[in-house]
Amino acid sequence: MTGLLIGVTLWMVCATVVATVLGRVAHRGDTEELGSIREWDMDALDHEVHHEH
């Protein structure tokens, strides 16, 4: 049982590392390909859109 718990823990750590790296790569690709360095504030955009109607 302990081996299973260790295996699951290692799997989750690896998955977290891979997800973090892929997220950073995707963000970097977006900024380089699109030429956008602007950080979007999604809460402010949602607020503006809901108050337009």
Protein backbone atom coordinates (compact mmCIF):
# COMPACT_ATOMS: atom_id res chain seq x y z
CA MET A 1 0.00 0.00 0.00
CA THR A 2 2.86 2.37 0.77
CA GLY A 3 4.36 1.73 -2.67
CA LEU A 4 1.07 2.70 -4.30
CA LEU A 5 0.89 5.92 -2.29
CA ILE A 6 4.48 6.79 -3.24
CA GLY A 7 3.72 6.03 -6.89
CA VAL A 8 0.63 8.22 -6.92
CA THR A 9 2.52 11.05 -5.19
CA LEU A 10 5.37 10.89 -7.69
CA TRP A 11 2.86 10.81 -10.55
CA MET A 12 1.13 13.95 -9.23
CA VAL A 13 4.45 15.77 -8.78
CA CYS A 14 5.48 14.91 -12.35
CA ALA A 15 2.08 15.96 -13.70
CA THR A 16 2.30 19.28 -11.87
CA VAL A 17 5.76 19.98 -13.23
CA VAL A 18 4.71 19.10 -16.79
CA ALA A 19 1.56 21.26 -16.55
CA THR A 20 3.57 24.21 -15.26
CA VAL A 21 6.18 23.91 -18.00
CA LEU A 22 3.56 23.55 -20.74
CA GLY A 23 1.65 26.54 -19.40
CA ARG A 24 4.77 28.70 -19.44
CA VAL A 25 5.68 27.53 -22.94
CA ALA A 26 2.19 28.31 -24.20
CA HIS A 27 2.23 31.76 -22.60
CA ARG A 28 5.67 32.51 -24.03
CA GLY A 29 4.58 31.30 -27.48
CA ASP A 30 1.53 33.55 -27.37
CA THR A 31 3.54 36.61 -26.49
CA GLU A 32 6.24 35.93 -29.09
CA GLU A 33 3.98 34.84 -31.96
CA LEU A 34 1.31 37.44 -31.44
CA GLY A 35 3.73 40.15 -30.42
CA SER A 36 1.61 40.91 -27.41
CA ILE A 37 3.24 41.71 -24.11
CA ARG A 38 0.02 42.99 -22.56
CA GLU A 39 -1.31 41.14 -19.55
CA TRP A 40 -5.08 40.83 -19.72
CA ASP A 41 -7.18 41.45 -16.62
CA MET A 42 -10.10 39.11 -17.23
CA ASP A 43 -12.13 40.46 -14.30
CA ALA A 44 -11.98 44.00 -15.69
CA LEU A 45 -12.92 42.79 -19.17
CA ASP A 46 -15.89 40.84 -17.82
CA HIS A 47 -16.98 43.90 -15.84
CA GLU A 48 -16.85 46.11 -18.97
CA VAL A 49 -18.72 43.61 -21.13
CA HIS A 50 -21.53 43.11 -18.61
CA HIS A 51 -22.06 46.88 -18.22
CA GLU A 52 -22.29 47.52 -21.96
CA HIS A 53 -25.71 45.90 -22.30
